[in-house]
Structure formats: structure tokens, C-alpha cells
C-alpha atoms as a PDB file:
ATOM      1  CA  MET A   1       6.762  12.423  16.688  1.00  0.00           C
ATOM      2  CA  SER A   2       5.489  16.811  15.944  1.00  0.00           C
ATOM      3  CA  ASP A   3       3.185  16.696  12.842  1.00  0.00           C
ATOM      4  CA  SER A   4       6.016  19.622  11.657  1.00  0.00           C
ATOM      5  CA  ALA A   5       8.692  16.452  12.192  1.00  0.00           C
ATOM      6  CA  ALA A   6       6.403  13.777  10.652  1.00  0.00           C
ATOM      7  CA  ILE A   7       5.236  16.527   7.155  1.00  0.00           C
ATOM      8  CA  ALA A   8       9.205  16.836   6.699  1.00  0.00           C
ATOM      9  CA  GLN A   9       9.243  13.161   6.633  1.00  0.00           C
ATOM     10  CA  LEU A  10       6.131  13.543   4.602  1.00  0.00           C
ATOM     11  CA  GLU A  11       8.151  15.288   2.214  1.00  0.00           C
ATOM     12  CA  ALA A  12      11.231  14.163   1.730  1.00  0.00           C
ATOM     13  CA  ALA A  13       9.489  10.410   1.273  1.00  0.00           C
ATOM     14  CA  LEU A  14       7.490  12.092  -1.336  1.00  0.00           C
ATOM     15  CA  ALA A  15      10.634  12.985  -3.701  1.00  0.00           C
ATOM     16  CA  LEU A  16      12.932  10.207  -2.151  1.00  0.00           C
ATOM     17  CA  GLN A  17       9.427   8.025  -4.125  1.00  0.00           C
ATOM     18  CA  LYS A  18       9.257  10.027  -7.240  1.00  0.00           C
ATOM     19  CA  ALA A  19      13.099   9.846  -7.879  1.00  0.00           C
ATOM     20  CA  ALA A  20      12.818   6.067  -7.138  1.00  0.00           C
ATOM     21  CA  PHE A  21       9.435   5.857  -9.731  1.00  0.00           C
ATOM     22  CA  LEU A  22      11.401   7.617 -12.988  1.00  0.00           C
ATOM     23  CA  LYS A  23      13.779   5.126 -12.573  1.00  0.00           C
ATOM     24  CA  ASN A  24      11.457   2.608 -12.837  1.00  0.00           C
ATOM     25  CA  GLN A  25       8.319   3.790 -13.928  1.00  0.00           C
ATOM     26  CA  ASN A  26       6.921   0.265 -15.445  1.00  0.00           C
ATOM     27  CA  PRO A  27       8.448  -2.400 -12.767  1.00  0.00           C
ATOM     28  CA  SER A  28       7.407  -6.182 -14.017  1.00  0.00           C
ATOM     29  CA  VAL A  29       4.867  -8.686 -13.605  1.00  0.00           C
ATOM     30  CA  ALA A  30       8.001 -10.643 -11.600  1.00  0.00           C
ATOM     31  CA  GLU A  31       8.932  -7.497  -9.320  1.00  0.00           C
ATOM     32  CA  ARG A  32       5.332  -6.937  -8.574  1.00  0.00           C
ATOM     33  CA  LYS A  33       4.515  -9.896  -7.912  1.00  0.00           C
ATOM     34  CA  ALA A  34       7.544 -10.149  -5.002  1.00  0.00           C
ATOM     35  CA  ASN A  35       7.157  -6.771  -3.425  1.00  0.00           C
ATOM     36  CA  VAL A  36       3.335  -8.493  -2.674  1.00  0.00           C
ATOM     37  CA  GLY A  37       4.347 -11.855  -1.834  1.00  0.00           C
ATOM     38  CA  LYS A  38       6.125 -10.303   1.077  1.00  0.00           C
ATOM     39  CA  ILE A  39       3.475  -9.044   2.510  1.00  0.00           C
ATOM     40  CA  PRO A  40       1.294 -12.330   3.789  1.00  0.00           C
ATOM     41  CA  GLY A  41       4.764 -13.736   5.606  1.00  0.00           C
ATOM     42  CA  MET A  42       5.096  -9.815   7.272  1.00  0.00           C
ATOM     43  CA  VAL A  43       1.659  -9.979   8.935  1.00  0.00           C
ATOM     44  CA  LEU A  44       2.115 -13.356   9.769  1.00  0.00           C
ATOM     45  CA  ALA A  45       5.085 -13.497  11.710  1.00  0.00           C
ATOM     46  CA  ASN A  46       4.284 -10.393  13.555  1.00  0.00           C
ATOM     47  CA  ARG A  47       0.841 -12.260  14.724  1.00  0.00           C
ATOM     48  CA  ASP A  48       1.489 -11.667  18.524  1.00  0.00           C
ATOM     49  CA  ALA A  49       2.666  -8.193  18.149  1.00  0.00           C
ATOM     50  CA  ILE A  50      -0.739  -7.110  15.580  1.00  0.00           C
ATOM     51  CA  ARG A  51      -2.867  -8.464  18.460  1.00  0.00           C
ATOM     52  CA  GLU A  52      -0.945  -6.814  20.894  1.00  0.00           C
ATOM     53  CA  ALA A  53      -1.287  -3.605  19.416  1.00  0.00           C
ATOM     54  CA  MET A  54      -5.086  -3.659  18.283  1.00  0.00           C
ATOM     55  CA  ALA A  55      -5.706  -4.785  22.160  1.00  0.00           C
ATOM     56  CA  LYS A  56      -3.719  -1.357  23.078  1.00  0.00           C
ATOM     57  CA  ASP A  57      -5.609   0.963  20.777  1.00  0.00           C
ATOM     58  CA  PHE A  58      -9.141  -0.046  21.372  1.00  0.00           C
ATOM     59  CA  GLY A  59      -8.645  -1.055  24.692  1.00  0.00           C
ATOM     60  CA  ALA A  60      -9.797  -4.956  24.377  1.00  0.00           C
ATOM     61  CA  HIS A  61      -9.979  -6.083  21.306  1.00  0.00           C
ATOM     62  CA  PRO A  62     -10.961  -9.962  20.247  1.00  0.00           C
ATOM     63  CA  THR A  63      -8.003 -11.884  19.160  1.00  0.00           C
ATOM     64  CA  ALA A  64     -10.163 -14.050  16.509  1.00  0.00           C
ATOM     65  CA  ALA A  65     -11.510 -11.085  14.843  1.00  0.00           C
ATOM     66  CA  THR A  66      -7.682  -9.700  14.636  1.00  0.00           C
ATOM     67  CA  ASP A  67      -6.399 -13.312  13.163  1.00  0.00           C
ATOM     68  CA  ILE A  68      -9.639 -13.372  11.177  1.00  0.00           C
ATOM     69  CA  ILE A  69      -9.491  -9.510   9.481  1.00  0.00           C
ATOM     70  CA  GLU A  70      -6.192  -7.462   9.989  1.00  0.00           C
ATOM     71  CA  VAL A  71      -4.044 -10.721  10.004  1.00  0.00           C
ATOM     72  CA  LEU A  72      -5.308 -13.523   7.747  1.00  0.00           C
ATOM     73  CA  GLY A  73      -7.927 -11.327   6.090  1.00  0.00           C
ATOM     74  CA  VAL A  74      -5.044  -9.130   4.461  1.00  0.00           C
ATOM     75  CA  ALA A  75      -2.650 -12.618   4.372  1.00  0.00           C
ATOM     76  CA  GLY A  76      -5.783 -13.608   1.326  1.00  0.00           C
ATOM     77  CA  ARG A  77      -6.303 -10.494  -0.754  1.00  0.00           C
ATOM     78  CA  ALA A  78      -2.474 -10.954  -0.727  1.00  0.00           C
ATOM     79  CA  ALA A  79      -3.001 -14.155  -1.935  1.00  0.00           C
ATOM     80  CA  TYR A  80      -6.078 -13.379  -4.827  1.00  0.00           C
ATOM     81  CA  VAL A  81      -3.633 -10.222  -6.085  1.00  0.00           C
ATOM     82  CA  LEU A  82      -1.145 -12.787  -6.822  1.00  0.00           C
ATOM     83  CA  SER A  83      -3.184 -15.159  -8.493  1.00  0.00           C
ATOM     84  CA  GLN A  84      -5.057 -11.876 -10.896  1.00  0.00           C
ATOM     85  CA  ILE A  85      -1.877 -10.078 -11.200  1.00  0.00           C
ATOM     86  CA  GLU A  86      -1.246 -10.950 -14.888  1.00  0.00           C
ATOM     87  CA  LYS A  87      -5.196 -10.940 -16.241  1.00  0.00           C
ATOM     88  CA  TRP A  88      -5.088  -7.094 -14.352  1.00  0.00           C
ATOM     89  CA  THR A  89      -1.610  -6.041 -15.973  1.00  0.00           C
ATOM     90  CA  ALA A  90      -2.567  -8.263 -19.833  1.00  0.00           C
ATOM     91  CA  VAL A  91      -2.932  -5.777 -22.818  1.00  0.00           C
ATOM     92  CA  ASP A  92      -6.556  -5.550 -23.698  1.00  0.00           C
ATOM     93  CA  SER A  93      -7.248  -4.951 -27.277  1.00  0.00           C
ATOM     94  CA  ARG A  94      -9.701  -3.000 -28.368  1.00  0.00           C
ATOM     95  CA  GLU A  95     -11.623  -2.581 -31.880  1.00  0.00           C
ATOM     96  CA  VAL A  96     -11.556   0.448 -33.940  1.00  0.00           C
ATOM     97  CA  ASP A  97     -13.556   1.869 -36.726  1.00  0.00           C
ATOM     98  CA  ALA A  98     -12.064   0.575 -39.534  1.00  0.00           C
ATOM     99  CA  ASN A  99     -13.499   3.817 -41.118  1.00  0.00           C
ATOM    100  CA  MET A 100     -10.822   6.379 -39.447  1.00  0.00           C
ATOM    101  CA  TYR A 101      -7.878   3.837 -39.069  1.00  0.00           C
ATOM    102  CA  GLY A 102      -7.566   1.650 -41.240  1.00  0.00           C
ATOM    103  CA  THR A 103      -6.305  -1.849 -40.071  1.00  0.00           C
ATOM    104  CA  ALA A 104      -4.226   0.272 -37.341  1.00  0.00           C
ATOM    105  CA  THR A 105      -5.227  -1.376 -34.010  1.00  0.00           C
ATOM    106  CA  GLY A 106      -6.272  -0.283 -30.815  1.00  0.00           C
ATOM    107  CA  GLU A 107      -4.909  -1.528 -27.390  1.00  0.00           C
ATOM    108  CA  VAL A 108      -4.698  -0.469 -23.412  1.00  0.00           C
ATOM    109  CA  ARG A 109      -1.897  -0.915 -21.974  1.00  0.00           C
ATOM    110  CA  TYR A 110      -2.156   0.008 -18.107  1.00  0.00           C
ATOM    111  CA  GLN A 111       0.558   1.970 -16.258  1.00  0.00           C
ATOM    112  CA  PRO A 112       1.804   2.548 -13.158  1.00  0.00           C
ATOM    113  CA  LYS A 113       0.334   6.510 -11.691  1.00  0.00           C
ATOM    114  CA  GLY A 114       4.029   6.738  -9.673  1.00  0.00           C
ATOM    115  CA  VAL A 115       3.380   7.600  -5.802  1.00  0.00           C
ATOM    116  CA  VAL A 116       0.089   7.039  -4.191  1.00  0.00           C
ATOM    117  CA  GLY A 117      -1.282   7.458  -0.899  1.00  0.00           C
ATOM    118  CA  ASN A 118      -3.606   6.230   1.993  1.00  0.00           C
ATOM    119  CA  ILE A 119      -5.035   7.974   4.260  1.00  0.00           C
ATOM    120  CA  VAL A 120      -5.850   4.706   6.820  1.00  0.00           C
ATOM    121  CA  PRO A 121      -9.438   4.837   9.184  1.00  0.00           C
ATOM    122  CA  TRP A 122      -8.964   4.049  12.465  1.00  0.00           C
ATOM    123  CA  ASN A 123     -11.736   0.692  12.350  1.00  0.00           C
ATOM    124  CA  PHE A 124      -9.376  -1.406  10.334  1.00  0.00           C
ATOM    125  CA  PRO A 125      -6.081  -0.369  10.998  1.00  0.00           C
ATOM    126  CA  LEU A 126      -4.328  -2.932   9.071  1.00  0.00           C
ATOM    127  CA  ASP A 127      -6.881  -4.028   6.624  1.00  0.00           C
ATOM    128  CA  LEU A 128      -7.408  -0.608   4.950  1.00  0.00           C
ATOM    129  CA  SER A 129      -3.637   0.088   4.838  1.00  0.00           C
ATOM    130  CA  LEU A 130      -2.042  -3.403   4.238  1.00  0.00           C
ATOM    131  CA  GLY A 131      -5.571  -4.653   2.337  1.00  0.00           C
ATOM    132  CA  PRO A 132      -5.258  -1.692  -0.232  1.00  0.00           C
ATOM    133  CA  LEU A 133      -1.226  -2.103  -0.732  1.00  0.00           C
ATOM    134  CA  CYS A 134      -1.605  -4.830  -2.474  1.00  0.00           C
ATOM    135  CA  GLU A 135      -3.810  -4.021  -5.281  1.00  0.00           C
ATOM    136  CA  MET A 136      -1.674  -0.635  -5.480  1.00  0.00           C
ATOM    137  CA  LEU A 137       2.045  -2.241  -5.354  1.00  0.00           C
ATOM    138  CA  ALA A 138       0.541  -4.684  -7.577  1.00  0.00           C
ATOM    139  CA  ALA A 139      -0.471  -1.940 -10.488  1.00  0.00           C
ATOM    140  CA  GLY A 140       3.454  -1.096 -10.390  1.00  0.00           C
ATOM    141  CA  ASN A 141       3.385   2.061  -8.156  1.00  0.00           C
ATOM    142  CA  ARG A 142       5.029   3.347  -4.735  1.00  0.00           C
ATOM    143  CA  VAL A 143       3.166   3.778  -1.316  1.00  0.00           C
ATOM    144  CA  ILE A 144       2.997   6.650   1.650  1.00  0.00           C
ATOM    145  CA  ILE A 145       0.426   5.294   4.449  1.00  0.00           C
ATOM    146  CA  LYS A 146      -0.905   7.522   7.084  1.00  0.00           C
ATOM    147  CA  PRO A 147      -2.179   5.408   9.770  1.00  0.00           C
ATOM    148  CA  SER A 148      -4.619   7.779  11.614  1.00  0.00           C
ATOM    149  CA  GLU A 149      -3.831   9.325  14.717  1.00  0.00           C
ATOM    150  CA  PHE A 150      -6.723   7.253  16.920  1.00  0.00           C
ATOM    151  CA  THR A 151      -4.383   3.967  16.652  1.00  0.00           C
ATOM    152  CA  PRO A 152      -0.977   5.021  17.271  1.00  0.00           C
ATOM    153  CA  ALA A 153      -0.078   1.940  18.942  1.00  0.00           C
ATOM    154  CA  THR A 154      -1.113   0.029  15.345  1.00  0.00           C
ATOM    155  CA  GLY A 155       0.789   2.937  13.414  1.00  0.00           C
ATOM    156  CA  ALA A 156       3.774   2.442  15.191  1.00  0.00           C
ATOM    157  CA  LEU A 157       4.008  -1.347  14.517  1.00  0.00           C
ATOM    158  CA  LEU A 158       2.918  -0.812  11.213  1.00  0.00           C
ATOM    159  CA  ALA A 159       5.888   1.469   9.881  1.00  0.00           C
ATOM    160  CA  LYS A 160       8.203  -0.942  12.056  1.00  0.00           C
ATOM    161  CA  MET A 161       7.037  -4.136   9.932  1.00  0.00           C
ATOM    162  CA  ILE A 162       6.891  -1.994   6.479  1.00  0.00           C
ATOM    163  CA  GLY A 163      10.003  -0.586   7.119  1.00  0.00           C
ATOM    164  CA  GLU A 164      11.726  -3.636   8.127  1.00  0.00           C
ATOM    165  CA  THR A 165      10.095  -5.413   5.189  1.00  0.00           C
ATOM    166  CA  PHE A 166      10.081  -2.444   2.116  1.00  0.00           C
ATOM    167  CA  PRO A 167      12.968  -0.315   0.934  1.00  0.00           C
ATOM    168  CA  GLU A 168      11.855   3.540   1.714  1.00  0.00           C
ATOM    169  CA  ASP A 169      11.733   4.067  -1.837  1.00  0.00           C
ATOM    170  CA  LEU A 170       9.070   1.671  -2.556  1.00  0.00           C
ATOM    171  CA  VAL A 171       6.510   1.737   0.363  1.00  0.00           C
ATOM    172  CA  THR A 172       6.622   3.812   3.502  1.00  0.00           C
ATOM    173  CA  VAL A 173       4.816   5.226   6.666  1.00  0.00           C
ATOM    174  CA  VAL A 174       4.285   8.207   8.274  1.00  0.00           C
ATOM    175  CA  ASN A 175       2.422   8.627  11.956  1.00  0.00           C
ATOM    176  CA  GLY A 176       1.066  11.653  13.308  1.00  0.00           C
ATOM    177  CA  GLY A 177      -1.995  14.262  13.694  1.00  0.00           C
ATOM    178  CA  LEU A 178      -4.366  16.478  11.949  1.00  0.00           C
ATOM    179  CA  ASP A 179      -1.893  19.044  10.471  1.00  0.00           C
ATOM    180  CA  LEU A 180       0.116  16.196   8.441  1.00  0.00           C
ATOM    181  CA  SER A 181      -3.115  14.535   7.593  1.00  0.00           C
ATOM    182  CA  LYS A 182      -3.523  18.306   5.746  1.00  0.00           C
ATOM    183  CA  ARG A 183      -0.442  18.634   4.190  1.00  0.00           C
ATOM    184  CA  PHE A 184      -0.783  14.823   3.309  1.00  0.00           C
ATOM    185  CA  THR A 185      -3.824  15.549   1.198  1.00  0.00           C
ATOM    186  CA  GLN A 186      -2.541  18.519  -0.264  1.00  0.00           C
ATOM    187  CA  LEU A 187       0.937  16.630  -1.310  1.00  0.00           C
END
């Protein structure tokens, strides 16, 4: 895919995700858990394909390192996020100055940002794309991931895995080069 086509895909995905966010600006904890909960199964089911893509992109890549970092590391991170999500999303009560506010109370309510992006470096292409995806989904955001153009096999596999696991209005992957990266940061 050319960068101009990838930029068009990026802009369409952003518009789709923004519209979807406006319809559901604060997903429930149950929705967030369900989204994060899909990630371990996705990486474990694609373990062999991940090994192959990593070997193709890096010329040779130790399968043990791929398993520990890119597969099991991501699955473990998702499990940790699932164990913490209720604590992270809980209302945080704060002290307020009674002289200024009387009997009022203060609290912080953590809310999603909307659509967030992740430009992934080449060196740990799945760990640094799917790992942060766990927290991004836990926070209730929608996500666009741009893998490094230096890991094309892993980027293509990531797009396939995400496309099979999540709706495009929740998570999508756009693959491309420098021009796409420049446009990505502008949006």
C-alpha cells in the first residue's frame, strides 16, 4: 500500500473512531475488561505466526525471546491490567478547603481521552504495540496503531490479528512509511 493510500486509511479510521467515541464516551468497566481480555488469546493463538514474522523481519530471531517478550509478555501485561482496572477507574476522593467550599466534596473521575495513537518502534514491534494497547483500552480509549515500516511482516500480521479481533471503530492498524508517520503525528 502506498503512503497516500495509507494516509487515506488513517484519516478514515480516525473519523470512524471519533464518531464511535462520541456515541460511547465512557465505556463501562465490563466493556473495558472484555476488550483487554481479547488480547492474550489473540497473541497465544498467533504464536507461530508471530515467530515467523519476527524471523522474517529480523533475519533471525530467537524463538525464546519472541515467546517471552512478544507473546507471553503481552499476555501477562493484559492479565495485570485486568487485575488493576477497577482500581484505576475508581473515583478518587479529594480533600477540599472547608473555608472555601464549606461542606462540599471533591473527587477526580478518570475519563477516556477519545482516540489515541501509538507509533511503534522497530525493536519490539508487538510488545510495544499490544502492551500499551492494554492500558489504552483499559482507559476506555479507541486506538490507532502505526507499526514501524522496518518491520513489515510483523506490521502486516499485527493488522491481520487486530482486524480479526477488534472492530475497526475500536482498534485499527495502519501500515506505511515516513509520509504516513508525518501525517499520523499531525492528527
